[in-house]
Amino acid sequence: MKIYNLPIMLHEPSDYTEDKYLAEVPLLPGCRAWGNTASQAIENLPSVATAFIESYTERGDKLPMEVEAAPQDVSGPAVTSEVMVVVA
């Protein structure tokens, strides 16, 4: 199992986001998820990112270099969550 820690961007509702919240993984162009709330968009994003990465590997395409460097091999108990903390 590999775990990828990928940065996300969250966009507020606008014409660009079809008046919904939009969460995206900039390192995976086109990897986006929408939601009626910010938390809903963020909750939808991991399954979309998983499908993106699986699609790359199934087709034999290389992942972007930044993503390729990001996975952590996990042995033993699986990590079930993580938190990102930003301090200014």
N, C-alpha and C. Protein backbone atom coordinates (compact mmCIF):
# COMPACT_ATOMS: atom_id res chain seq x y z
N MET A 1 0.85 -1.17 0.00
CA MET A 1 0.00 0.00 0.00
C MET A 1 0.89 1.23 0.00
N LYS A 2 0.50 2.22 -0.76
CA LYS A 2 1.22 3.49 -0.77
C LYS A 2 0.27 4.58 -0.32
N ILE A 3 0.81 5.51 0.43
CA ILE A 3 0.04 6.66 0.87
C ILE A 3 0.68 7.90 0.25
N TYR A 4 -0.13 8.70 -0.39
CA TYR A 4 0.34 9.94 -1.01
C TYR A 4 -0.18 11.12 -0.18
N ASN A 5 0.72 11.96 0.25
CA ASN A 5 0.33 13.20 0.94
C ASN A 5 0.40 14.31 -0.11
N LEU A 6 -0.74 14.69 -0.63
CA LEU A 6 -0.79 15.65 -1.73
C LEU A 6 -1.47 16.93 -1.28
N PRO A 7 -0.91 18.07 -1.67
CA PRO A 7 -1.54 19.34 -1.30
C PRO A 7 -2.84 19.52 -2.07
N ILE A 8 -3.77 20.22 -1.45
CA ILE A 8 -5.03 20.52 -2.12
C ILE A 8 -5.26 22.02 -2.11
N MET A 9 -6.09 22.45 -3.04
CA MET A 9 -6.53 23.85 -3.06
C MET A 9 -8.06 23.82 -2.99
N LEU A 10 -8.62 24.76 -2.25
CA LEU A 10 -10.07 24.86 -2.11
C LEU A 10 -10.50 26.21 -2.67
N HIS A 11 -11.45 26.17 -3.59
CA HIS A 11 -11.98 27.39 -4.20
C HIS A 11 -13.40 27.63 -3.69
N GLU A 12 -13.67 28.88 -3.39
CA GLU A 12 -15.01 29.29 -2.95
C GLU A 12 -15.97 29.24 -4.14
N PRO A 13 -17.28 29.13 -3.88
CA PRO A 13 -18.25 29.14 -4.97
C PRO A 13 -18.13 30.39 -5.84
N SER A 14 -18.18 30.19 -7.15
CA SER A 14 -18.11 31.29 -8.11
C SER A 14 -18.63 30.77 -9.45
N ASP A 15 -18.65 31.63 -10.45
CA ASP A 15 -19.03 31.17 -11.79
C ASP A 15 -18.05 30.10 -12.26
N TYR A 16 -16.75 30.29 -11.97
CA TYR A 16 -15.71 29.34 -12.37
C TYR A 16 -15.95 27.95 -11.79
N THR A 17 -16.48 27.90 -10.55
CA THR A 17 -16.68 26.61 -9.86
C THR A 17 -18.12 26.13 -9.96
N GLU A 18 -18.89 26.72 -10.89
CA GLU A 18 -20.28 26.36 -11.07
C GLU A 18 -21.10 26.58 -9.80
N ASP A 19 -20.72 27.64 -9.06
CA ASP A 19 -21.39 28.03 -7.81
C ASP A 19 -21.34 26.95 -6.74
N LYS A 20 -20.32 26.13 -6.78
CA LYS A 20 -20.09 25.10 -5.76
C LYS A 20 -18.68 25.29 -5.22
N TYR A 21 -18.38 24.64 -4.10
CA TYR A 21 -17.01 24.59 -3.62
C TYR A 21 -16.25 23.62 -4.50
N LEU A 22 -15.01 23.93 -4.77
CA LEU A 22 -14.17 23.10 -5.64
C LEU A 22 -12.86 22.80 -4.92
N ALA A 23 -12.58 21.53 -4.73
CA ALA A 23 -11.30 21.10 -4.16
C ALA A 23 -10.51 20.43 -5.28
N GLU A 24 -9.21 20.72 -5.37
CA GLU A 24 -8.40 20.13 -6.42
C GLU A 24 -7.00 19.80 -5.92
N VAL A 25 -6.37 18.86 -6.61
CA VAL A 25 -4.97 18.50 -6.36
C VAL A 25 -4.17 19.09 -7.50
N PRO A 26 -3.47 20.21 -7.27
CA PRO A 26 -2.74 20.86 -8.36
C PRO A 26 -1.68 19.98 -9.02
N LEU A 27 -1.12 19.03 -8.28
CA LEU A 27 -0.10 18.15 -8.84
C LEU A 27 -0.68 17.12 -9.82
N LEU A 28 -1.99 16.95 -9.81
CA LEU A 28 -2.67 16.03 -10.72
C LEU A 28 -3.64 16.86 -11.57
N PRO A 29 -3.17 17.41 -12.69
CA PRO A 29 -4.01 18.30 -13.49
C PRO A 29 -5.36 17.67 -13.82
N GLY A 30 -6.42 18.42 -13.50
CA GLY A 30 -7.77 17.95 -13.76
C GLY A 30 -8.40 17.17 -12.63
N CYS A 31 -7.65 16.92 -11.57
CA CYS A 31 -8.17 16.16 -10.42
C CYS A 31 -8.94 17.12 -9.52
N ARG A 32 -10.28 17.09 -9.67
CA ARG A 32 -11.14 18.04 -8.97
C ARG A 32 -12.38 17.35 -8.43
N ALA A 33 -12.90 17.91 -7.35
CA ALA A 33 -14.15 17.43 -6.77
C ALA A 33 -14.96 18.63 -6.31
N TRP A 34 -16.26 18.57 -6.53
CA TRP A 34 -17.15 19.66 -6.16
C TRP A 34 -18.02 19.23 -4.99
N GLY A 35 -18.56 20.22 -4.29
CA GLY A 35 -19.49 19.96 -3.20
C GLY A 35 -20.30 21.19 -2.88
N ASN A 36 -21.41 20.99 -2.19
CA ASN A 36 -22.24 22.12 -1.75
C ASN A 36 -21.61 22.84 -0.58
N THR A 37 -20.72 22.17 0.14
CA THR A 37 -19.98 22.77 1.25
C THR A 37 -18.50 22.49 1.03
N ALA A 38 -17.67 23.24 1.73
CA ALA A 38 -16.22 23.02 1.63
C ALA A 38 -15.86 21.61 2.08
N SER A 39 -16.44 21.17 3.19
CA SER A 39 -16.11 19.84 3.70
C SER A 39 -16.57 18.74 2.74
N GLN A 40 -17.68 18.94 2.07
CA GLN A 40 -18.16 17.95 1.12
C GLN A 40 -17.20 17.84 -0.08
N ALA A 41 -16.72 18.97 -0.58
CA ALA A 41 -15.77 18.94 -1.69
C ALA A 41 -14.48 18.24 -1.28
N ILE A 42 -13.99 18.53 -0.08
CA ILE A 42 -12.76 17.91 0.42
C ILE A 42 -12.97 16.42 0.66
N GLU A 43 -14.12 16.04 1.17
CA GLU A 43 -14.41 14.62 1.40
C GLU A 43 -14.49 13.84 0.09
N ASN A 44 -14.94 14.47 -0.98
CA ASN A 44 -15.06 13.80 -2.28
C ASN A 44 -13.71 13.64 -2.99
N LEU A 45 -12.75 14.47 -2.65
CA LEU A 45 -11.49 14.51 -3.39
C LEU A 45 -10.62 13.26 -3.28
N PRO A 46 -10.48 12.60 -2.13
CA PRO A 46 -9.61 11.42 -2.08
C PRO A 46 -10.00 10.31 -3.06
N SER A 47 -11.28 10.05 -3.24
CA SER A 47 -11.67 8.99 -4.17
C SER A 47 -11.35 9.39 -5.61
N VAL A 48 -11.48 10.67 -5.92
CA VAL A 48 -11.14 11.15 -7.27
C VAL A 48 -9.64 11.05 -7.49
N ALA A 49 -8.84 11.45 -6.49
CA ALA A 49 -7.38 11.38 -6.60
C ALA A 49 -6.92 9.93 -6.72
N THR A 50 -7.54 9.03 -5.98
CA THR A 50 -7.22 7.61 -6.09
C THR A 50 -7.47 7.11 -7.50
N ALA A 51 -8.62 7.46 -8.05
CA ALA A 51 -8.95 7.04 -9.42
C ALA A 51 -7.96 7.62 -10.42
N PHE A 52 -7.53 8.86 -10.22
CA PHE A 52 -6.53 9.47 -11.10
C PHE A 52 -5.23 8.66 -11.07
N ILE A 53 -4.72 8.39 -9.88
CA ILE A 53 -3.45 7.67 -9.74
C ILE A 53 -3.58 6.26 -10.31
N GLU A 54 -4.69 5.58 -10.02
CA GLU A 54 -4.89 4.24 -10.56
C GLU A 54 -4.95 4.27 -12.09
N SER A 55 -5.57 5.29 -12.65
CA SER A 55 -5.67 5.42 -14.10
C SER A 55 -4.28 5.60 -14.72
N TYR A 56 -3.45 6.43 -14.11
CA TYR A 56 -2.08 6.61 -14.59
C TYR A 56 -1.35 5.27 -14.62
N THR A 57 -1.42 4.55 -13.51
CA THR A 57 -0.65 3.30 -13.41
C THR A 57 -1.21 2.21 -14.32
N GLU A 58 -2.54 2.14 -14.46
CA GLU A 58 -3.14 1.13 -15.33
C GLU A 58 -2.77 1.35 -16.80
N ARG A 59 -2.62 2.61 -17.20
CA ARG A 59 -2.25 2.91 -18.58
C ARG A 59 -0.73 2.86 -18.78
N GLY A 60 0.02 2.70 -17.70
CA GLY A 60 1.47 2.68 -17.80
C GLY A 60 2.08 4.06 -17.93
N ASP A 61 1.30 5.10 -17.64
CA ASP A 61 1.81 6.47 -17.69
C ASP A 61 2.56 6.80 -16.41
N LYS A 62 3.54 7.66 -16.53
CA LYS A 62 4.26 8.11 -15.35
C LYS A 62 3.47 9.21 -14.66
N LEU A 63 3.46 9.14 -13.35
CA LEU A 63 2.85 10.21 -12.56
C LEU A 63 3.74 11.43 -12.63
N PRO A 64 3.19 12.64 -12.42
CA PRO A 64 4.04 13.82 -12.33
C PRO A 64 5.15 13.59 -11.30
N MET A 65 6.33 14.15 -11.55
CA MET A 65 7.50 13.91 -10.71
C MET A 65 7.22 14.18 -9.22
N GLU A 66 6.50 15.26 -8.93
CA GLU A 66 6.22 15.61 -7.53
C GLU A 66 5.34 14.56 -6.85
N VAL A 67 4.45 13.95 -7.62
CA VAL A 67 3.59 12.91 -7.07
C VAL A 67 4.38 11.62 -6.91
N GLU A 68 5.20 11.31 -7.90
CA GLU A 68 6.02 10.10 -7.87
C GLU A 68 6.93 10.08 -6.65
N ALA A 69 7.38 11.25 -6.20
CA ALA A 69 8.27 11.35 -5.05
C ALA A 69 7.51 11.33 -3.72
N ALA A 70 6.19 11.44 -3.76
CA ALA A 70 5.40 11.61 -2.55
C ALA A 70 4.98 10.33 -1.82
N PRO A 71 4.91 9.15 -2.48
CA PRO A 71 4.31 8.02 -1.76
C PRO A 71 5.17 7.53 -0.61
N GLN A 72 4.50 7.01 0.38
CA GLN A 72 5.15 6.36 1.51
C GLN A 72 4.66 4.93 1.52
N ASP A 73 5.60 3.98 1.52
CA ASP A 73 5.20 2.59 1.65
C ASP A 73 4.81 2.36 3.10
N VAL A 74 3.72 1.67 3.27
CA VAL A 74 3.21 1.44 4.62
C VAL A 74 3.26 -0.06 4.90
N SER A 75 3.90 -0.41 5.99
CA SER A 75 3.85 -1.79 6.46
C SER A 75 3.41 -1.76 7.90
N GLY A 76 2.72 -2.76 8.31
CA GLY A 76 2.17 -2.75 9.66
C GLY A 76 0.80 -2.12 9.63
N PRO A 77 0.36 -1.57 10.75
CA PRO A 77 -0.97 -0.98 10.81
C PRO A 77 -1.11 0.16 9.81
N ALA A 78 -2.26 0.23 9.16
CA ALA A 78 -2.51 1.28 8.18
C ALA A 78 -2.76 2.61 8.88
N VAL A 79 -2.29 3.66 8.26
CA VAL A 79 -2.58 5.00 8.74
C VAL A 79 -4.00 5.32 8.31
N THR A 80 -4.84 5.73 9.23
CA THR A 80 -6.24 5.96 8.90
C THR A 80 -6.58 7.43 8.70
N SER A 81 -5.72 8.33 9.14
CA SER A 81 -6.00 9.75 8.93
C SER A 81 -4.73 10.55 9.14
N GLU A 82 -4.80 11.78 8.76
CA GLU A 82 -3.69 12.69 9.01
C GLU A 82 -4.26 14.09 9.12
N VAL A 83 -3.46 14.97 9.60
CA VAL A 83 -3.88 16.35 9.73
C VAL A 83 -2.75 17.23 9.22
N MET A 84 -3.09 18.28 8.50
CA MET A 84 -2.12 19.27 8.06
C MET A 84 -2.30 20.51 8.90
N VAL A 85 -1.24 20.99 9.47
CA VAL A 85 -1.29 22.18 10.30
C VAL A 85 -0.41 23.23 9.68
N VAL A 86 -0.94 24.43 9.47
CA VAL A 86 -0.18 25.54 8.90
C VAL A 86 -0.10 26.61 9.97
N VAL A 87 1.11 27.02 10.29
CA VAL A 87 1.32 28.06 11.30
C VAL A 87 2.04 29.22 10.62
N ALA A 88 1.48 30.39 10.74
CA ALA A 88 2.10 31.56 10.12
C ALA A 88 3.07 32.22 11.08
